[in-house]
C-alpha cells in the first residue's frame, strides 16, 4: 500500500521544497529559506539530497557582485513528485473498512 511512496520525500522540508519548485521556475536560496522558515544549513542538506536524486537543478552565479544560488525542479523531479502525490492520494482514498 505504501510501496509507491518515494522515500526521498519523507521529510516535510523536502515536500515543501518540491511544492515551491512545482509552481516556480527558479527560486533563490534566501527566498526558499524564508518561505519554508528553515535554517540555511537545514535547507542546504535537504536540497543536496534532492540534487543527488536528480530532482533539483542548482544554479550558482553572481547577481551584481553578490553570489546567488537558485534552484529549479528537473523534469525527473516533477514526475517523481507527481507520482508521490498520486500515491498519497490513492492511499487517502483507500477504503480500509473491514
PDB file of N, CA and C in Angstrom:
ATOM      1  N   UNK A   1       0.811  -1.188   0.000  1.00  0.00           N
ATOM      2  CA  UNK A   1       0.000   0.000   0.000  1.00  0.00           C
ATOM      3  C   UNK A   1       0.863   1.264   0.000  1.00  0.00           C
ATOM      4  N   UNK A   2       2.007   1.241   0.677  1.00  0.00           N
ATOM      5  CA  UNK A   2       2.859   2.424   0.723  1.00  0.00           C
ATOM      6  C   UNK A   2       4.091   2.277  -0.169  1.00  0.00           C
ATOM      7  N   UNK A   3       4.158   1.206  -0.927  1.00  0.00           N
ATOM      8  CA  UNK A   3       5.311   0.932  -1.776  1.00  0.00           C
ATOM      9  C   UNK A   3       5.539   1.964  -2.865  1.00  0.00           C
ATOM     10  N   UNK A   4       4.488   2.673  -3.264  1.00  0.00           N
ATOM     11  CA  UNK A   4       4.630   3.678  -4.316  1.00  0.00           C
ATOM     12  C   UNK A   4       5.097   5.032  -3.795  1.00  0.00           C
ATOM     13  N   UNK A   5       5.162   5.197  -2.458  1.00  0.00           N
ATOM     14  CA  UNK A   5       5.639   6.468  -1.893  1.00  0.00           C
ATOM     15  C   UNK A   5       7.146   6.562  -2.062  1.00  0.00           C
ATOM     16  N   UNK A   6       7.636   7.740  -2.433  1.00  0.00           N
ATOM     17  CA  UNK A   6       9.061   7.969  -2.669  1.00  0.00           C
ATOM     18  C   UNK A   6       9.735   8.382  -1.366  1.00  0.00           C
ATOM     19  N   UNK A   7      10.684   7.573  -0.895  1.00  0.00           N
ATOM     20  CA  UNK A   7      11.366   7.859   0.376  1.00  0.00           C
ATOM     21  C   UNK A   7      12.103   9.200   0.337  1.00  0.00           C
ATOM     22  N   UNK A   8      12.462   9.653  -0.837  1.00  0.00           N
ATOM     23  CA  UNK A   8      13.162  10.941  -0.944  1.00  0.00           C
ATOM     24  C   UNK A   8      12.312  12.079  -0.397  1.00  0.00           C
ATOM     25  N   UNK A   9      10.998  11.924  -0.437  1.00  0.00           N
ATOM     26  CA  UNK A   9      10.100  12.985   0.005  1.00  0.00           C
ATOM     27  C   UNK A   9       9.566  12.762   1.416  1.00  0.00           C
ATOM     28  N   UNK A  10      10.220  11.941   2.225  1.00  0.00           N
ATOM     29  CA  UNK A  10       9.720  11.667   3.571  1.00  0.00           C
ATOM     30  C   UNK A  10       9.838  12.867   4.509  1.00  0.00           C
ATOM     31  N   UNK A  11      10.694  13.813   4.182  1.00  0.00           N
ATOM     32  CA  UNK A  11      10.860  14.995   5.031  1.00  0.00           C
ATOM     33  C   UNK A  11       9.876  16.088   4.647  1.00  0.00           C
ATOM     34  N   UNK A  12       9.348  16.776   5.651  1.00  0.00           N
ATOM     35  CA  UNK A  12       8.423  17.878   5.376  1.00  0.00           C
ATOM     36  C   UNK A  12       9.135  19.013   4.656  1.00  0.00           C
ATOM     37  N   UNK A  13      10.420  19.191   4.910  1.00  0.00           N
ATOM     38  CA  UNK A  13      11.190  20.236   4.223  1.00  0.00           C
ATOM     39  C   UNK A  13      11.300  19.906   2.738  1.00  0.00           C
ATOM     40  N   UNK A  14      11.570  18.647   2.424  1.00  0.00           N
ATOM     41  CA  UNK A  14      11.694  18.254   1.006  1.00  0.00           C
ATOM     42  C   UNK A  14      10.361  18.381   0.278  1.00  0.00           C
ATOM     43  N   UNK A  15       9.281  18.046   0.935  1.00  0.00           N
ATOM     44  CA  UNK A  15       7.962  18.233   0.313  1.00  0.00           C
ATOM     45  C   UNK A  15       7.716  19.719   0.092  1.00  0.00           C
ATOM     46  N   UNK A  16       8.103  20.552   1.060  1.00  0.00           N
ATOM     47  CA  UNK A  16       7.951  21.999   0.900  1.00  0.00           C
ATOM     48  C   UNK A  16       8.784  22.527  -0.250  1.00  0.00           C
ATOM     49  N   UNK A  17      10.012  22.068  -0.362  1.00  0.00           N
ATOM     50  CA  UNK A  17      10.883  22.494  -1.469  1.00  0.00           C
ATOM     51  C   UNK A  17      10.248  22.126  -2.802  1.00  0.00           C
ATOM     52  N   UNK A  18       9.813  20.891  -2.932  1.00  0.00           N
ATOM     53  CA  UNK A  18       9.243  20.445  -4.204  1.00  0.00           C
ATOM     54  C   UNK A  18       7.943  21.183  -4.517  1.00  0.00           C
ATOM     55  N   UNK A  19       7.147  21.482  -3.505  1.00  0.00           N
ATOM     56  CA  UNK A  19       5.901  22.227  -3.727  1.00  0.00           C
ATOM     57  C   UNK A  19       6.214  23.630  -4.241  1.00  0.00           C
ATOM     58  N   UNK A  20       7.213  24.272  -3.649  1.00  0.00           N
ATOM     59  CA  UNK A  20       7.603  25.614  -4.098  1.00  0.00           C
ATOM     60  C   UNK A  20       8.132  25.563  -5.532  1.00  0.00           C
ATOM     61  N   UNK A  21       8.974  24.559  -5.814  1.00  0.00           N
ATOM     62  CA  UNK A  21       9.572  24.472  -7.150  1.00  0.00           C
ATOM     63  C   UNK A  21       8.584  23.969  -8.209  1.00  0.00           C
ATOM     64  N   UNK A  22       7.500  23.356  -7.778  1.00  0.00           N
ATOM     65  CA  UNK A  22       6.494  22.882  -8.733  1.00  0.00           C
ATOM     66  C   UNK A  22       5.761  24.051  -9.385  1.00  0.00           C
ATOM     67  N   UNK A  23       5.702  25.184  -8.698  1.00  0.00           N
ATOM     68  CA  UNK A  23       4.935  26.319  -9.235  1.00  0.00           C
ATOM     69  C   UNK A  23       5.819  27.521  -9.555  1.00  0.00           C
ATOM     70  N   UNK A  24       7.129  27.388  -9.378  1.00  0.00           N
ATOM     71  CA  UNK A  24       8.072  28.465  -9.699  1.00  0.00           C
ATOM     72  C   UNK A  24       9.213  27.888 -10.526  1.00  0.00           C
ATOM     73  N   UNK A  25       9.717  28.652 -11.485  1.00  0.00           N
ATOM     74  CA  UNK A  25      10.788  28.153 -12.339  1.00  0.00           C
ATOM     75  C   UNK A  25      12.114  28.101 -11.583  1.00  0.00           C
ATOM     76  N   UNK A  26      12.625  29.245 -11.155  1.00  0.00           N
ATOM     77  CA  UNK A  26      13.853  29.310 -10.368  1.00  0.00           C
ATOM     78  C   UNK A  26      13.546  30.045  -9.069  1.00  0.00           C
ATOM     79  N   UNK A  27      14.006  29.499  -7.955  1.00  0.00           N
ATOM     80  CA  UNK A  27      13.814  30.139  -6.652  1.00  0.00           C
ATOM     81  C   UNK A  27      15.178  30.222  -5.992  1.00  0.00           C
ATOM     82  N   UNK A  28      15.543  31.426  -5.513  1.00  0.00           N
ATOM     83  CA  UNK A  28      16.873  31.519  -4.898  1.00  0.00           C
ATOM     84  C   UNK A  28      16.848  31.046  -3.446  1.00  0.00           C
ATOM     85  N   UNK A  29      18.027  30.786  -2.939  1.00  0.00           N
ATOM     86  CA  UNK A  29      18.185  30.155  -1.633  1.00  0.00           C
ATOM     87  C   UNK A  29      17.495  30.964  -0.520  1.00  0.00           C
ATOM     88  N   UNK A  30      17.696  32.263  -0.516  1.00  0.00           N
ATOM     89  CA  UNK A  30      17.111  33.088   0.552  1.00  0.00           C
ATOM     90  C   UNK A  30      15.581  33.070   0.498  1.00  0.00           C
ATOM     91  N   UNK A  31      15.021  33.136  -0.705  1.00  0.00           N
ATOM     92  CA  UNK A  31      13.558  33.071  -0.840  1.00  0.00           C
ATOM     93  C   UNK A  31      13.029  31.739  -0.316  1.00  0.00           C
ATOM     94  N   UNK A  32      13.690  30.655  -0.699  1.00  0.00           N
ATOM     95  CA  UNK A  32      13.258  29.322  -0.267  1.00  0.00           C
ATOM     96  C   UNK A  32      13.361  29.202   1.255  1.00  0.00           C
ATOM     97  N   UNK A  33      14.478  29.655   1.812  1.00  0.00           N
ATOM     98  CA  UNK A  33      14.671  29.607   3.265  1.00  0.00           C
ATOM     99  C   UNK A  33      13.549  30.356   3.976  1.00  0.00           C
ATOM    100  N   UNK A  34      13.239  31.550   3.491  1.00  0.00           N
ATOM    101  CA  UNK A  34      12.208  32.359   4.134  1.00  0.00           C
ATOM    102  C   UNK A  34      10.813  31.761   3.955  1.00  0.00           C
ATOM    103  N   UNK A  35      10.523  31.230   2.775  1.00  0.00           N
ATOM    104  CA  UNK A  35       9.218  30.611   2.537  1.00  0.00           C
ATOM    105  C   UNK A  35       8.982  29.414   3.456  1.00  0.00           C
ATOM    106  N   UNK A  36      10.017  28.614   3.640  1.00  0.00           N
ATOM    107  CA  UNK A  36       9.870  27.383   4.415  1.00  0.00           C
ATOM    108  C   UNK A  36      10.198  27.565   5.894  1.00  0.00           C
ATOM    109  N   UNK A  37      10.746  28.744   6.236  1.00  0.00           N
ATOM    110  CA  UNK A  37      11.094  29.052   7.627  1.00  0.00           C
ATOM    111  C   UNK A  37      12.041  27.995   8.218  1.00  0.00           C
ATOM    112  N   UNK A  38      13.138  27.763   7.495  1.00  0.00           N
ATOM    113  CA  UNK A  38      14.163  26.812   7.930  1.00  0.00           C
ATOM    114  C   UNK A  38      15.514  27.520   7.942  1.00  0.00           C
ATOM    115  N   UNK A  39      16.500  26.885   8.532  1.00  0.00           N
ATOM    116  CA  UNK A  39      17.833  27.477   8.563  1.00  0.00           C
ATOM    117  C   UNK A  39      18.554  27.217   7.237  1.00  0.00           C
ATOM    118  N   UNK A  40      19.607  27.997   6.981  1.00  0.00           N
ATOM    119  CA  UNK A  40      20.392  27.801   5.760  1.00  0.00           C
ATOM    120  C   UNK A  40      20.959  26.386   5.681  1.00  0.00           C
ATOM    121  N   UNK A  41      21.502  25.902   6.788  1.00  0.00           N
ATOM    122  CA  UNK A  41      22.107  24.576   6.808  1.00  0.00           C
ATOM    123  C   UNK A  41      21.096  23.466   6.586  1.00  0.00           C
ATOM    124  N   UNK A  42      19.945  23.588   7.231  1.00  0.00           N
ATOM    125  CA  UNK A  42      18.887  22.592   7.068  1.00  0.00           C
ATOM    126  C   UNK A  42      18.421  22.554   5.621  1.00  0.00           C
ATOM    127  N   UNK A  43      18.191  23.729   5.059  1.00  0.00           N
ATOM    128  CA  UNK A  43      17.750  23.809   3.663  1.00  0.00           C
ATOM    129  C   UNK A  43      18.807  23.221   2.735  1.00  0.00           C
ATOM    130  N   UNK A  44      20.057  23.572   2.963  1.00  0.00           N
ATOM    131  CA  UNK A  44      21.134  23.084   2.091  1.00  0.00           C
ATOM    132  C   UNK A  44      21.237  21.569   2.119  1.00  0.00           C
ATOM    133  N   UNK A  45      21.072  20.958   3.288  1.00  0.00           N
ATOM    134  CA  UNK A  45      21.197  19.498   3.358  1.00  0.00           C
ATOM    135  C   UNK A  45      20.052  18.807   2.621  1.00  0.00           C
ATOM    136  N   UNK A  46      18.849  19.349   2.737  1.00  0.00           N
ATOM    137  CA  UNK A  46      17.716  18.740   2.026  1.00  0.00           C
ATOM    138  C   UNK A  46      17.829  18.966   0.518  1.00  0.00           C
ATOM    139  N   UNK A  47      18.299  20.141   0.130  1.00  0.00           N
ATOM    140  CA  UNK A  47      18.483  20.400  -1.300  1.00  0.00           C
ATOM    141  C   UNK A  47      19.572  19.496  -1.879  1.00  0.00           C
ATOM    142  N   UNK A  48      20.607  19.231  -1.107  1.00  0.00           N
ATOM    143  CA  UNK A  48      21.666  18.335  -1.583  1.00  0.00           C
ATOM    144  C   UNK A  48      21.118  16.930  -1.833  1.00  0.00           C
ATOM    145  N   UNK A  49      20.234  16.465  -0.954  1.00  0.00           N
ATOM    146  CA  UNK A  49      19.626  15.144  -1.144  1.00  0.00           C
ATOM    147  C   UNK A  49      18.757  15.125  -2.400  1.00  0.00           C
ATOM    148  N   UNK A  50      18.011  16.189  -2.619  1.00  0.00           N
ATOM    149  CA  UNK A  50      17.159  16.262  -3.819  1.00  0.00           C
ATOM    150  C   UNK A  50      18.001  16.399  -5.085  1.00  0.00           C
ATOM    151  N   UNK A  51      19.120  17.117  -4.981  1.00  0.00           N
ATOM    152  CA  UNK A  51      20.023  17.241  -6.129  1.00  0.00           C
ATOM    153  C   UNK A  51      20.664  15.888  -6.443  1.00  0.00           C
ATOM    154  N   UNK A  52      21.062  15.156  -5.418  1.00  0.00           N
ATOM    155  CA  UNK A  52      21.666  13.838  -5.606  1.00  0.00           C
ATOM    156  C   UNK A  52      20.692  12.884  -6.318  1.00  0.00           C
ATOM    157  N   UNK A  53      19.412  13.028  -6.027  1.00  0.00           N
ATOM    158  CA  UNK A  53      18.386  12.195  -6.673  1.00  0.00           C
ATOM    159  C   UNK A  53      18.033  12.718  -8.070  1.00  0.00           C
ATOM    160  N   UNK A  54      18.671  13.805  -8.483  1.00  0.00           N
ATOM    161  CA  UNK A  54      18.421  14.447  -9.792  1.00  0.00           C
ATOM    162  C   UNK A  54      17.024  15.056  -9.866  1.00  0.00           C
ATOM    163  N   UNK A  55      16.462  15.415  -8.715  1.00  0.00           N
ATOM    164  CA  UNK A  55      15.136  16.027  -8.679  1.00  0.00           C
ATOM    165  C   UNK A  55      15.215  17.551  -8.729  1.00  0.00           C
ATOM    166  N   UNK A  56      16.387  18.094  -8.402  1.00  0.00           N
ATOM    167  CA  UNK A  56      16.568  19.545  -8.351  1.00  0.00           C
ATOM    168  C   UNK A  56      17.853  19.916  -9.074  1.00  0.00           C
ATOM    169  N   UNK A  57      17.796  21.004  -9.823  1.00  0.00           N
ATOM    170  CA  UNK A  57      18.975  21.547 -10.509  1.00  0.00           C
ATOM    171  C   UNK A  57      19.423  22.802  -9.756  1.00  0.00           C
ATOM    172  N   UNK A  58      20.728  22.953  -9.585  1.00  0.00           N
ATOM    173  CA  UNK A  58      21.285  24.088  -8.858  1.00  0.00           C
ATOM    174  C   UNK A  58      21.998  25.008  -9.837  1.00  0.00           C
ATOM    175  N   UNK A  59      21.782  26.303  -9.662  1.00  0.00           N
ATOM    176  CA  UNK A  59      22.458  27.309 -10.500  1.00  0.00           C
ATOM    177  C   UNK A  59      23.165  28.285  -9.567  1.00  0.00           C
ATOM    178  N   UNK A  60      24.490  28.408  -9.767  1.00  0.00           N
ATOM    179  CA  UNK A  60      25.283  29.357  -8.974  1.00  0.00           C
ATOM    180  C   UNK A  60      25.797  30.425  -9.914  1.00  0.00           C
ATOM    181  N   UNK A  61      25.574  31.667  -9.536  1.00  0.00           N
ATOM    182  CA  UNK A  61      26.001  32.780 -10.386  1.00  0.00           C
ATOM    183  C   UNK A  61      26.182  34.024  -9.512  1.00  0.00           C
ATOM    184  N   UNK A  62      26.626  35.088 -10.150  1.00  0.00           N
ATOM    185  CA  UNK A  62      26.734  36.364  -9.455  1.00  0.00           C
ATOM    186  C   UNK A  62      25.627  37.273  -9.951  1.00  0.00           C
ATOM    187  N   UNK A  63      24.956  37.924  -9.026  1.00  0.00           N
ATOM    188  CA  UNK A  63      23.986  38.956  -9.360  1.00  0.00           C
ATOM    189  C   UNK A  63      24.637  40.249  -8.882  1.00  0.00           C
ATOM    190  N   UNK A  64      25.120  41.037  -9.838  1.00  0.00           N
ATOM    191  CA  UNK A  64      25.955  42.175  -9.468  1.00  0.00           C
ATOM    192  C   UNK A  64      27.261  41.631  -8.930  1.00  0.00           C
ATOM    193  N   UNK A  65      27.591  41.986  -7.732  1.00  0.00           N
ATOM    194  CA  UNK A  65      28.829  41.492  -7.117  1.00  0.00           C
ATOM    195  C   UNK A  65      28.571  40.414  -6.076  1.00  0.00           C
ATOM    196  N   UNK A  66      27.317  40.033  -5.915  1.00  0.00           N
ATOM    197  CA  UNK A  66      26.954  39.077  -4.862  1.00  0.00           C
ATOM    198  C   UNK A  66      26.686  37.688  -5.445  1.00  0.00           C
ATOM    199  N   UNK A  67      27.191  36.656  -4.774  1.00  0.00           N
ATOM    200  CA  UNK A  67      26.888  35.293  -5.230  1.00  0.00           C
ATOM    201  C   UNK A  67      25.410  34.977  -5.005  1.00  0.00           C
ATOM    202  N   UNK A  68      24.845  34.200  -5.914  1.00  0.00           N
ATOM    203  CA  UNK A  68      23.436  33.837  -5.827  1.00  0.00           C
ATOM    204  C   UNK A  68      23.291  32.371  -6.210  1.00  0.00           C
ATOM    205  N   UNK A  69      22.624  31.617  -5.370  1.00  0.00           N
ATOM    206  CA  UNK A  69      22.334  30.215  -5.652  1.00  0.00           C
ATOM    207  C   UNK A  69      20.829  30.069  -5.792  1.00  0.00           C
ATOM    208  N   UNK A  70      20.404  29.453  -6.876  1.00  0.00           N
ATOM    209  CA  UNK A  70      18.972  29.249  -7.073  1.00  0.00           C
ATOM    210  C   UNK A  70      18.725  27.805  -7.513  1.00  0.00           C
ATOM    211  N   UNK A  71      17.460  27.415  -7.407  1.00  0.00           N
ATOM    212  CA  UNK A  71      17.081  26.019  -7.630  1.00  0.00           C
ATOM    213  C   UNK A  71      15.882  25.924  -8.558  1.00  0.00           C
ATOM    214  N   UNK A  72      15.872  24.830  -9.293  1.00  0.00           N
ATOM    215  CA  UNK A  72      14.789  24.555 -10.230  1.00  0.00           C
ATOM    216  C   UNK A  72      14.472  23.066 -10.148  1.00  0.00           C
ATOM    217  N   UNK A  73      13.222  22.727 -10.306  1.00  0.00           N
ATOM    218  CA  UNK A  73      12.820  21.323 -10.320  1.00  0.00           C
ATOM    219  C   UNK A  73      13.126  20.742 -11.704  1.00  0.00           C
ATOM    220  N   UNK A  74      13.751  19.581 -11.756  1.00  0.00           N
ATOM    221  CA  UNK A  74      14.033  18.933 -13.037  1.00  0.00           C
ATOM    222  C   UNK A  74      12.777  18.204 -13.533  1.00  0.00           C
ATOM    223  N   UNK A  75      12.803  17.801 -14.773  1.00  0.00           N
ATOM    224  CA  UNK A  75      11.689  17.014 -15.321  1.00  0.00           C
ATOM    225  C   UNK A  75      11.530  15.711 -14.544  1.00  0.00           C
ATOM    226  N   UNK A  76      12.645  15.089 -14.215  1.00  0.00           N
ATOM    227  CA  UNK A  76      12.608  13.846 -13.419  1.00  0.00           C
ATOM    228  C   UNK A  76      11.997  14.137 -12.051  1.00  0.00           C
ATOM    229  N   UNK A  77      12.378  15.262 -11.456  1.00  0.00           N
ATOM    230  CA  UNK A  77      11.846  15.638 -10.150  1.00  0.00           C
ATOM    231  C   UNK A  77      10.355  15.896 -10.188  1.00  0.00           C
ATOM    232  N   UNK A  78       9.899  16.581 -11.247  1.00  0.00           N
ATOM    233  CA  UNK A  78       8.452  16.844 -11.380  1.00  0.00           C
ATOM    234  C   UNK A  78       7.677  15.543 -11.488  1.00  0.00           C
ATOM    235  N   UNK A  79       8.183  14.622 -12.289  1.00  0.00           N
ATOM    236  CA  UNK A  79       7.492  13.329 -12.438  1.00  0.00           C
ATOM    237  C   UNK A  79       7.476  12.562 -11.119  1.00  0.00           C
ATOM    238  N   UNK A  80       8.606  12.543 -10.428  1.00  0.00           N
ATOM    239  CA  UNK A  80       8.697  11.805  -9.165  1.00  0.00           C
ATOM    240  C   UNK A  80       7.784  12.417  -8.108  1.00  0.00           C
ATOM    241  N   UNK A  81       7.745  13.742  -8.050  1.00  0.00           N
ATOM    242  CA  UNK A  81       6.896  14.412  -7.061  1.00  0.00           C
ATOM    243  C   UNK A  81       5.421  14.161  -7.373  1.00  0.00           C
ATOM    244  N   UNK A  82       5.057  14.223  -8.639  1.00  0.00           N
ATOM    245  CA  UNK A  82       3.660  13.964  -9.012  1.00  0.00           C
ATOM    246  C   UNK A  82       3.290  12.515  -8.705  1.00  0.00           C
ATOM    247  N   UNK A  83       4.200  11.579  -8.964  1.00  0.00           N
ATOM    248  CA  UNK A  83       3.938  10.172  -8.653  1.00  0.00           C
ATOM    249  C   UNK A  83       3.762   9.978  -7.154  1.00  0.00           C
ATOM    250  N   UNK A  84       4.561  10.696  -6.361  1.00  0.00           N
ATOM    251  CA  UNK A  84       4.444  10.623  -4.898  1.00  0.00           C
ATOM    252  C   UNK A  84       3.087  11.169  -4.443  1.00  0.00           C
ATOM    253  N   UNK A  85       2.691  12.310  -5.003  1.00  0.00           N
ATOM    254  CA  UNK A  85       1.391  12.894  -4.651  1.00  0.00           C
ATOM    255  C   UNK A  85       0.246  11.970  -5.064  1.00  0.00           C
ATOM    256  N   UNK A  86       0.372  11.367  -6.230  1.00  0.00           N
ATOM    257  CA  UNK A  86      -0.659  10.429  -6.690  1.00  0.00           C
ATOM    258  C   UNK A  86      -0.749   9.221  -5.749  1.00  0.00           C
ATOM    259  N   UNK A  87       0.393   8.721  -5.303  1.00  0.00           N
ATOM    260  CA  UNK A  87       0.403   7.584  -4.378  1.00  0.00           C
ATOM    261  C   UNK A  87      -0.240   7.968  -3.046  1.00  0.00           C
ATOM    262  N   UNK A  88       0.035   9.179  -2.580  1.00  0.00           N
ATOM    263  CA  UNK A  88      -0.606   9.654  -1.337  1.00  0.00           C
ATOM    264  C   UNK A  88      -2.121   9.739  -1.515  1.00  0.00           C
ATOM    265  N   UNK A  89      -2.548  10.248  -2.658  1.00  0.00           N
ATOM    266  CA  UNK A  89      -3.981  10.381  -2.915  1.00  0.00           C
ATOM    267  C   UNK A  89      -4.656   9.008  -2.963  1.00  0.00           C
ATOM    268  N   UNK A  90      -4.007   8.055  -3.615  1.00  0.00           N
ATOM    269  CA  UNK A  90      -4.581   6.691  -3.655  1.00  0.00           C
ATOM    270  C   UNK A  90      -4.678   6.119  -2.243  1.00  0.00           C
ATOM    271  N   UNK A  91      -3.654   6.376  -1.436  1.00  0.00           N
ATOM    272  CA  UNK A  91      -3.649   5.877  -0.061  1.00  0.00           C
ATOM    273  C   UNK A  91      -4.776   6.515   0.754  1.00  0.00           C
ATOM    274  N   UNK A  92      -4.964   7.823   0.578  1.00  0.00           N
ATOM    275  CA  UNK A  92      -6.014   8.518   1.323  1.00  0.00           C
ATOM    276  C   UNK A  92      -7.413   8.088   0.897  1.00  0.00           C
ATOM    277  N   UNK A  93      -7.547   7.707  -0.350  1.00  0.00           N
ATOM    278  CA  UNK A  93      -8.864   7.321  -0.859  1.00  0.00           C
ATOM    279  C   UNK A  93      -9.168   5.841  -0.683  1.00  0.00           C
ATOM    280  N   UNK A  94      -8.220   5.098  -0.143  1.00  0.00           N
ATOM    281  CA  UNK A  94      -8.403   3.660   0.032  1.00  0.00           C
ATOM    282  C   UNK A  94      -9.418   3.414   1.152  1.00  0.00           C
ATOM    283  N   UNK A  95     -10.361   2.596   0.873  1.00  0.00           N
ATOM    284  CA  UNK A  95     -11.369   2.235   1.870  1.00  0.00           C
ATOM    285  C   UNK A  95     -10.804   1.102   2.731  1.00  0.00           C
ATOM    286  N   UNK A  96     -10.538   1.408   3.985  1.00  0.00           N
ATOM    287  CA  UNK A  96      -9.907   0.436   4.880  1.00  0.00           C
ATOM    288  C   UNK A  96     -10.901  -0.225   5.826  1.00  0.00           C
ATOM    289  N   UNK A  97     -12.178   0.017   5.601  1.00  0.00           N
ATOM    290  CA  UNK A  97     -13.177  -0.601   6.495  1.00  0.00           C
ATOM    291  C   UNK A  97     -13.217  -2.112   6.280  1.00  0.00           C
ATOM    292  N   UNK A  98     -13.374  -2.855   7.352  1.00  0.00           N
ATOM    293  CA  UNK A  98     -13.434  -4.325   7.208  1.00  0.00           C
ATOM    294  C   UNK A  98     -14.705  -4.785   6.513  1.00  0.00           C
TER     295      UNK A  98
END
